[in-house]
Each structure stands twice: as C-alpha cells, then as structure tokens.
Amino acid sequence: ARGEAWMQTLSVAIERRLVRGPRDQDRVSGLGRLVIAQWQGTLTVWSFLRHAPLKDAVRTSLEDLFGRLRISVEP
C-alpha cells in the first residue's frame, strides 16, 4: 500500500510539472507513471551500459521521451 501511495504522489507531482498535465491533485492521466517507468528503465539500462554519467543519461532519456510526446516541462 505504501508503494502504491508513493506512485500516486509521485505521478501527480510529475504531471503537475508538465504543461499538458492535469492540475487536479486527485487525478492523474497516466503520463506521470509513464515518466516514472522511463526514468526507472533508464536507471536499469544505464547500470549495464554506463555509456554516460547517470545524470546525463537520465536527462537525455527523459528529454527524448518528452520531445517525442511533444510535451514541455515547466522550469
């Protein structure tokens, strides 16, 4: 239950930072979970390849995801 609550809280927080994300604290569109999956997947792949510093690998991966989805992130 704690993991589920953490995912919900993190998903909402991520979606609130996305320009096209919902502003309603109680609902998520699923985009936050997609971002979390991309982020966590990047960590797994990076642990095998280590082709760049971790911070750069995560940033590049998320920027690619957002670019392909045509989503901008608020600063």
PDB file of N, CA and C in Angstrom:
ATOM      1  N   ALA A   1       0.825  -1.204   0.000  1.00  0.00           N
ATOM      2  CA  ALA A   1       0.000   0.000   0.000  1.00  0.00           C
ATOM      3  C   ALA A   1       0.864   1.262   0.000  1.00  0.00           C
ATOM      4  N   ARG A   2       2.008   1.195   0.714  1.00  0.00           N
ATOM      5  CA  ARG A   2       2.888   2.372   0.735  1.00  0.00           C
ATOM      6  C   ARG A   2       3.473   2.645  -0.641  1.00  0.00           C
ATOM      7  N   GLY A   3       3.828   1.573  -1.347  1.00  0.00           N
ATOM      8  CA  GLY A   3       4.361   1.739  -2.698  1.00  0.00           C
ATOM      9  C   GLY A   3       3.339   2.346  -3.639  1.00  0.00           C
ATOM     10  N   GLU A   4       2.112   1.897  -3.510  1.00  0.00           N
ATOM     11  CA  GLU A   4       1.033   2.439  -4.346  1.00  0.00           C
ATOM     12  C   GLU A   4       0.797   3.916  -4.037  1.00  0.00           C
ATOM     13  N   ALA A   5       0.828   4.262  -2.761  1.00  0.00           N
ATOM     14  CA  ALA A   5       0.655   5.666  -2.368  1.00  0.00           C
ATOM     15  C   ALA A   5       1.811   6.515  -2.874  1.00  0.00           C
ATOM     16  N   TRP A   6       3.015   5.954  -2.813  1.00  0.00           N
ATOM     17  CA  TRP A   6       4.188   6.680  -3.320  1.00  0.00           C
ATOM     18  C   TRP A   6       4.060   6.927  -4.813  1.00  0.00           C
ATOM     19  N   MET A   7       3.643   5.895  -5.561  1.00  0.00           N
ATOM     20  CA  MET A   7       3.468   6.046  -7.014  1.00  0.00           C
ATOM     21  C   MET A   7       2.422   7.114  -7.330  1.00  0.00           C
ATOM     22  N   GLN A   8       1.329   7.130  -6.613  1.00  0.00           N
ATOM     23  CA  GLN A   8       0.270   8.112  -6.840  1.00  0.00           C
ATOM     24  C   GLN A   8       0.798   9.526  -6.574  1.00  0.00           C
ATOM     25  N   THR A   9       1.474   9.695  -5.446  1.00  0.00           N
ATOM     26  CA  THR A   9       2.006  11.015  -5.081  1.00  0.00           C
ATOM     27  C   THR A   9       3.036  11.477  -6.094  1.00  0.00           C
ATOM     28  N   LEU A  10       3.952  10.593  -6.468  1.00  0.00           N
ATOM     29  CA  LEU A  10       4.987  10.953  -7.428  1.00  0.00           C
ATOM     30  C   LEU A  10       4.388  11.223  -8.803  1.00  0.00           C
ATOM     31  N   SER A  11       3.427  10.415  -9.231  1.00  0.00           N
ATOM     32  CA  SER A  11       2.773  10.625 -10.530  1.00  0.00           C
ATOM     33  C   SER A  11       2.097  11.985 -10.599  1.00  0.00           C
ATOM     34  N   VAL A  12       1.375  12.337  -9.553  1.00  0.00           N
ATOM     35  CA  VAL A  12       0.704  13.637  -9.515  1.00  0.00           C
ATOM     36  C   VAL A  12       1.733  14.761  -9.550  1.00  0.00           C
ATOM     37  N   ALA A  13       2.803  14.633  -8.772  1.00  0.00           N
ATOM     38  CA  ALA A  13       3.832  15.679  -8.740  1.00  0.00           C
ATOM     39  C   ALA A  13       4.476  15.857 -10.109  1.00  0.00           C
ATOM     40  N   ILE A  14       4.757  14.768 -10.797  1.00  0.00           N
ATOM     41  CA  ILE A  14       5.351  14.847 -12.125  1.00  0.00           C
ATOM     42  C   ILE A  14       4.375  15.495 -13.097  1.00  0.00           C
ATOM     43  N   GLU A  15       3.137  15.049 -13.081  1.00  0.00           N
ATOM     44  CA  GLU A  15       2.155  15.583 -14.016  1.00  0.00           C
ATOM     45  C   GLU A  15       1.885  17.065 -13.796  1.00  0.00           C
ATOM     46  N   ARG A  16       1.989  17.516 -12.572  1.00  0.00           N
ATOM     47  CA  ARG A  16       1.778  18.949 -12.298  1.00  0.00           C
ATOM     48  C   ARG A  16       2.883  19.791 -12.914  1.00  0.00           C
ATOM     49  N   ARG A  17       4.063  19.207 -13.158  1.00  0.00           N
ATOM     50  CA  ARG A  17       5.170  19.933 -13.771  1.00  0.00           C
ATOM     51  C   ARG A  17       5.093  19.934 -15.286  1.00  0.00           C
ATOM     52  N   LEU A  18       4.272  19.070 -15.839  1.00  0.00           N
ATOM     53  CA  LEU A  18       4.140  19.000 -17.292  1.00  0.00           C
ATOM     54  C   LEU A  18       3.089  20.002 -17.743  1.00  0.00           C
ATOM     55  N   VAL A  19       3.391  20.740 -18.771  1.00  0.00           N
ATOM     56  CA  VAL A  19       2.485  21.789 -19.239  1.00  0.00           C
ATOM     57  C   VAL A  19       1.116  21.228 -19.594  1.00  0.00           C
ATOM     58  N   ARG A  20       1.074  20.052 -20.217  1.00  0.00           N
ATOM     59  CA  ARG A  20      -0.205  19.457 -20.607  1.00  0.00           C
ATOM     60  C   ARG A  20      -0.790  18.575 -19.524  1.00  0.00           C
ATOM     61  N   GLY A  21      -0.147  18.486 -18.381  1.00  0.00           N
ATOM     62  CA  GLY A  21      -0.619  17.610 -17.315  1.00  0.00           C
ATOM     63  C   GLY A  21      -1.815  18.184 -16.600  1.00  0.00           C
ATOM     64  N   PRO A  22      -2.560  17.337 -15.896  1.00  0.00           N
ATOM     65  CA  PRO A  22      -3.738  17.798 -15.160  1.00  0.00           C
ATOM     66  C   PRO A  22      -3.340  18.651 -13.970  1.00  0.00           C
ATOM     67  N   ARG A  23      -4.182  19.541 -13.580  1.00  0.00           N
ATOM     68  CA  ARG A  23      -3.930  20.387 -12.427  1.00  0.00           C
ATOM     69  C   ARG A  23      -4.727  19.928 -11.203  1.00  0.00           C
ATOM     70  N   ASP A  24      -5.548  18.923 -11.373  1.00  0.00           N
ATOM     71  CA  ASP A  24      -6.357  18.382 -10.288  1.00  0.00           C
ATOM     72  C   ASP A  24      -5.501  17.422  -9.465  1.00  0.00           C
ATOM     73  N   GLN A  25      -5.276  17.722  -8.219  1.00  0.00           N
ATOM     74  CA  GLN A  25      -4.413  16.939  -7.332  1.00  0.00           C
ATOM     75  C   GLN A  25      -4.870  15.492  -7.186  1.00  0.00           C
ATOM     76  N   ASP A  26      -6.148  15.219  -7.382  1.00  0.00           N
ATOM     77  CA  ASP A  26      -6.676  13.884  -7.118  1.00  0.00           C
ATOM     78  C   ASP A  26      -6.679  12.951  -8.321  1.00  0.00           C
ATOM     79  N   ARG A  27      -6.325  13.437  -9.475  1.00  0.00           N
ATOM     80  CA  ARG A  27      -6.370  12.549 -10.636  1.00  0.00           C
ATOM     81  C   ARG A  27      -5.063  12.629 -11.414  1.00  0.00           C
ATOM     82  N   VAL A  28      -4.751  11.556 -12.070  1.00  0.00           N
ATOM     83  CA  VAL A  28      -3.586  11.525 -12.940  1.00  0.00           C
ATOM     84  C   VAL A  28      -4.006  10.949 -14.281  1.00  0.00           C
ATOM     85  N   SER A  29      -3.323  11.364 -15.324  1.00  0.00           N
ATOM     86  CA  SER A  29      -3.667  10.910 -16.664  1.00  0.00           C
ATOM     87  C   SER A  29      -2.930   9.629 -17.047  1.00  0.00           C
ATOM     88  N   GLY A  30      -1.931   9.265 -16.270  1.00  0.00           N
ATOM     89  CA  GLY A  30      -1.103   8.110 -16.612  1.00  0.00           C
ATOM     90  C   GLY A  30       0.247   8.534 -17.144  1.00  0.00           C
ATOM     91  N   LEU A  31       0.368   9.794 -17.521  1.00  0.00           N
ATOM     92  CA  LEU A  31       1.631  10.292 -18.051  1.00  0.00           C
ATOM     93  C   LEU A  31       2.722  10.266 -16.980  1.00  0.00           C
ATOM     94  N   GLY A  32       2.365  10.554 -15.748  1.00  0.00           N
ATOM     95  CA  GLY A  32       3.338  10.503 -14.655  1.00  0.00           C
ATOM     96  C   GLY A  32       3.927   9.113 -14.489  1.00  0.00           C
ATOM     97  N   ARG A  33       3.080   8.102 -14.588  1.00  0.00           N
ATOM     98  CA  ARG A  33       3.568   6.720 -14.470  1.00  0.00           C
ATOM     99  C   ARG A  33       4.454   6.352 -15.651  1.00  0.00           C
ATOM    100  N   LEU A  34       4.146   6.877 -16.826  1.00  0.00           N
ATOM    101  CA  LEU A  34       4.990   6.647 -17.993  1.00  0.00           C
ATOM    102  C   LEU A  34       6.374   7.260 -17.770  1.00  0.00           C
ATOM    103  N   VAL A  35       6.405   8.457 -17.220  1.00  0.00           N
ATOM    104  CA  VAL A  35       7.681   9.124 -16.929  1.00  0.00           C
ATOM    105  C   VAL A  35       8.467   8.312 -15.889  1.00  0.00           C
ATOM    106  N   ILE A  36       7.786   7.835 -14.857  1.00  0.00           N
ATOM    107  CA  ILE A  36       8.459   7.028 -13.833  1.00  0.00           C
ATOM    108  C   ILE A  36       9.031   5.748 -14.451  1.00  0.00           C
ATOM    109  N   ALA A  37       8.266   5.106 -15.304  1.00  0.00           N
ATOM    110  CA  ALA A  37       8.736   3.875 -15.954  1.00  0.00           C
ATOM    111  C   ALA A  37       9.951   4.156 -16.826  1.00  0.00           C
ATOM    112  N   GLN A  38       9.921   5.258 -17.567  1.00  0.00           N
ATOM    113  CA  GLN A  38      11.056   5.640 -18.414  1.00  0.00           C
ATOM    114  C   GLN A  38      12.289   5.903 -17.553  1.00  0.00           C
ATOM    115  N   TRP A  39      12.109   6.651 -16.494  1.00  0.00           N
ATOM    116  CA  TRP A  39      13.188   7.007 -15.582  1.00  0.00           C
ATOM    117  C   TRP A  39      13.791   5.752 -14.950  1.00  0.00           C
ATOM    118  N   GLN A  40      12.947   4.876 -14.401  1.00  0.00           N
ATOM    119  CA  GLN A  40      13.442   3.670 -13.755  1.00  0.00           C
ATOM    120  C   GLN A  40      14.082   2.714 -14.766  1.00  0.00           C
ATOM    121  N   GLY A  41      13.493   2.629 -15.948  1.00  0.00           N
ATOM    122  CA  GLY A  41      14.074   1.803 -17.006  1.00  0.00           C
ATOM    123  C   GLY A  41      15.434   2.319 -17.433  1.00  0.00           C
ATOM    124  N   THR A  42      15.569   3.635 -17.503  1.00  0.00           N
ATOM    125  CA  THR A  42      16.852   4.242 -17.850  1.00  0.00           C
ATOM    126  C   THR A  42      17.911   3.883 -16.812  1.00  0.00           C
ATOM    127  N   LEU A  43      17.529   3.883 -15.534  1.00  0.00           N
ATOM    128  CA  LEU A  43      18.481   3.502 -14.487  1.00  0.00           C
ATOM    129  C   LEU A  43      18.955   2.060 -14.666  1.00  0.00           C
ATOM    130  N   THR A  44      18.029   1.181 -15.029  1.00  0.00           N
ATOM    131  CA  THR A  44      18.388  -0.223 -15.239  1.00  0.00           C
ATOM    132  C   THR A  44      19.327  -0.376 -16.426  1.00  0.00           C
ATOM    133  N   VAL A  45      18.974   0.232 -17.551  1.00  0.00           N
ATOM    134  CA  VAL A  45      19.821   0.140 -18.741  1.00  0.00           C
ATOM    135  C   VAL A  45      21.186   0.766 -18.472  1.00  0.00           C
ATOM    136  N   TRP A  46      21.195   1.909 -17.810  1.00  0.00           N
ATOM    137  CA  TRP A  46      22.455   2.581 -17.507  1.00  0.00           C
ATOM    138  C   TRP A  46      23.357   1.686 -16.654  1.00  0.00           C
ATOM    139  N   SER A  47      22.786   0.937 -15.731  1.00  0.00           N
ATOM    140  CA  SER A  47      23.597   0.089 -14.855  1.00  0.00           C
ATOM    141  C   SER A  47      24.366  -0.978 -15.638  1.00  0.00           C
ATOM    142  N   PHE A  48      23.880  -1.346 -16.817  1.00  0.00           N
ATOM    143  CA  PHE A  48      24.586  -2.308 -17.663  1.00  0.00           C
ATOM    144  C   PHE A  48      25.569  -1.633 -18.613  1.00  0.00           C
ATOM    145  N   LEU A  49      25.188  -0.495 -19.180  1.00  0.00           N
ATOM    146  CA  LEU A  49      25.990   0.137 -20.226  1.00  0.00           C
ATOM    147  C   LEU A  49      26.955   1.211 -19.717  1.00  0.00           C
ATOM    148  N   ARG A  50      26.475   2.037 -18.804  1.00  0.00           N
ATOM    149  CA  ARG A  50      27.272   3.144 -18.249  1.00  0.00           C
ATOM    150  C   ARG A  50      27.990   3.934 -19.337  1.00  0.00           C
ATOM    151  N   HIS A  51      27.278   4.242 -20.408  1.00  0.00           N
ATOM    152  CA  HIS A  51      27.846   4.942 -21.552  1.00  0.00           C
ATOM    153  C   HIS A  51      27.964   6.447 -21.344  1.00  0.00           C
ATOM    154  N   ALA A  52      27.417   6.951 -20.280  1.00  0.00           N
ATOM    155  CA  ALA A  52      27.467   8.386 -19.959  1.00  0.00           C
ATOM    156  C   ALA A  52      27.270   8.509 -18.452  1.00  0.00           C
ATOM    157  N   PRO A  53      27.596   9.664 -17.894  1.00  0.00           N
ATOM    158  CA  PRO A  53      27.277   9.860 -16.477  1.00  0.00           C
ATOM    159  C   PRO A  53      25.770   9.675 -16.260  1.00  0.00           C
ATOM    160  N   LEU A  54      25.404   9.114 -15.115  1.00  0.00           N
ATOM    161  CA  LEU A  54      23.999   8.797 -14.834  1.00  0.00           C
ATOM    162  C   LEU A  54      23.090  10.000 -15.036  1.00  0.00           C
ATOM    163  N   LYS A  55      23.456  11.141 -14.486  1.00  0.00           N
ATOM    164  CA  LYS A  55      22.620  12.344 -14.612  1.00  0.00           C
ATOM    165  C   LYS A  55      22.356  12.675 -16.078  1.00  0.00           C
ATOM    166  N   ASP A  56      23.374  12.571 -16.908  1.00  0.00           N
ATOM    167  CA  ASP A  56      23.217  12.872 -18.330  1.00  0.00           C
ATOM    168  C   ASP A  56      22.346  11.836 -19.025  1.00  0.00           C
ATOM    169  N   ALA A  57      22.524  10.573 -18.672  1.00  0.00           N
ATOM    170  CA  ALA A  57      21.729   9.504 -19.297  1.00  0.00           C
ATOM    171  C   ALA A  57      20.244   9.679 -18.983  1.00  0.00           C
ATOM    172  N   VAL A  58      19.922   9.984 -17.728  1.00  0.00           N
ATOM    173  CA  VAL A  58      18.521  10.178 -17.340  1.00  0.00           C
ATOM    174  C   VAL A  58      17.956  11.418 -18.032  1.00  0.00           C
ATOM    175  N   ARG A  59      18.691  12.507 -18.033  1.00  0.00           N
ATOM    176  CA  ARG A  59      18.222  13.737 -18.679  1.00  0.00           C
ATOM    177  C   ARG A  59      17.957  13.499 -20.166  1.00  0.00           C
ATOM    178  N   THR A  60      18.892  12.866 -20.852  1.00  0.00           N
ATOM    179  CA  THR A  60      18.731  12.605 -22.286  1.00  0.00           C
ATOM    180  C   THR A  60      17.521  11.718 -22.553  1.00  0.00           C
ATOM    181  N   SER A  61      17.354  10.682 -21.743  1.00  0.00           N
ATOM    182  CA  SER A  61      16.236   9.767 -21.913  1.00  0.00           C
ATOM    183  C   SER A  61      14.895  10.476 -21.732  1.00  0.00           C
ATOM    184  N   LEU A  62      14.786  11.279 -20.672  1.00  0.00           N
ATOM    185  CA  LEU A  62      13.520  11.979 -20.421  1.00  0.00           C
ATOM    186  C   LEU A  62      13.275  13.077 -21.444  1.00  0.00           C
ATOM    187  N   GLU A  63      14.321  13.778 -21.857  1.00  0.00           N
ATOM    188  CA  GLU A  63      14.145  14.799 -22.894  1.00  0.00           C
ATOM    189  C   GLU A  63      13.673  14.166 -24.197  1.00  0.00           C
ATOM    190  N   ASP A  64      14.206  12.990 -24.520  1.00  0.00           N
ATOM    191  CA  ASP A  64      13.769  12.280 -25.721  1.00  0.00           C
ATOM    192  C   ASP A  64      12.300  11.886 -25.611  1.00  0.00           C
ATOM    193  N   LEU A  65      11.902  11.345 -24.464  1.00  0.00           N
ATOM    194  CA  LEU A  65      10.505  10.972 -24.244  1.00  0.00           C
ATOM    195  C   LEU A  65       9.595  12.189 -24.404  1.00  0.00           C
ATOM    196  N   PHE A  66       9.919  13.279 -23.717  1.00  0.00           N
ATOM    197  CA  PHE A  66       9.083  14.484 -23.785  1.00  0.00           C
ATOM    198  C   PHE A  66       9.047  15.056 -25.194  1.00  0.00           C
ATOM    199  N   GLY A  67      10.182  15.041 -25.873  1.00  0.00           N
ATOM    200  CA  GLY A  67      10.224  15.549 -27.242  1.00  0.00           C
ATOM    201  C   GLY A  67       9.337  14.744 -28.173  1.00  0.00           C
ATOM    202  N   ARG A  68       9.379  13.434 -28.028  1.00  0.00           N
ATOM    203  CA  ARG A  68       8.558  12.577 -28.888  1.00  0.00           C
ATOM    204  C   ARG A  68       7.072  12.727 -28.585  1.00  0.00           C
ATOM    205  N   LEU A  69       6.759  13.033 -27.339  1.00  0.00           N
ATOM    206  CA  LEU A  69       5.365  13.252 -26.962  1.00  0.00           C
ATOM    207  C   LEU A  69       4.927  14.705 -27.145  1.00  0.00           C
ATOM    208  N   ARG A  70       5.883  15.547 -27.558  1.00  0.00           N
ATOM    209  CA  ARG A  70       5.646  16.987 -27.742  1.00  0.00           C
ATOM    210  C   ARG A  70       5.110  17.634 -26.464  1.00  0.00           C
ATOM    211  N   ILE A  71       5.815  17.359 -25.367  1.00  0.00           N
ATOM    212  CA  ILE A  71       5.452  17.899 -24.066  1.00  0.00           C
ATOM    213  C   ILE A  71       6.590  18.769 -23.576  1.00  0.00           C
ATOM    214  N   SER A  72       6.264  19.947 -23.072  1.00  0.00           N
ATOM    215  CA  SER A  72       7.279  20.780 -22.471  1.00  0.00           C
ATOM    216  C   SER A  72       7.119  20.739 -20.956  1.00  0.00           C
ATOM    217  N   VAL A  73       8.210  20.992 -20.266  1.00  0.00           N
ATOM    218  CA  VAL A  73       8.230  20.928 -18.810  1.00  0.00           C
ATOM    219  C   VAL A  73       8.435  22.326 -18.263  1.00  0.00           C
ATOM    220  N   GLU A  74       7.657  22.655 -17.251  1.00  0.00           N
ATOM    221  CA  GLU A  74       7.819  23.953 -16.610  1.00  0.00           C
ATOM    222  C   GLU A  74       9.133  23.976 -15.865  1.00  0.00           C
ATOM    223  N   PRO A  75       9.832  25.115 -15.866  1.00  0.00           N
ATOM    224  CA  PRO A  75      11.118  25.205 -15.142  1.00  0.00           C
ATOM    225  C   PRO A  75      10.922  25.095 -13.636  1.00  0.00           C
TER     226      PRO A  75
END
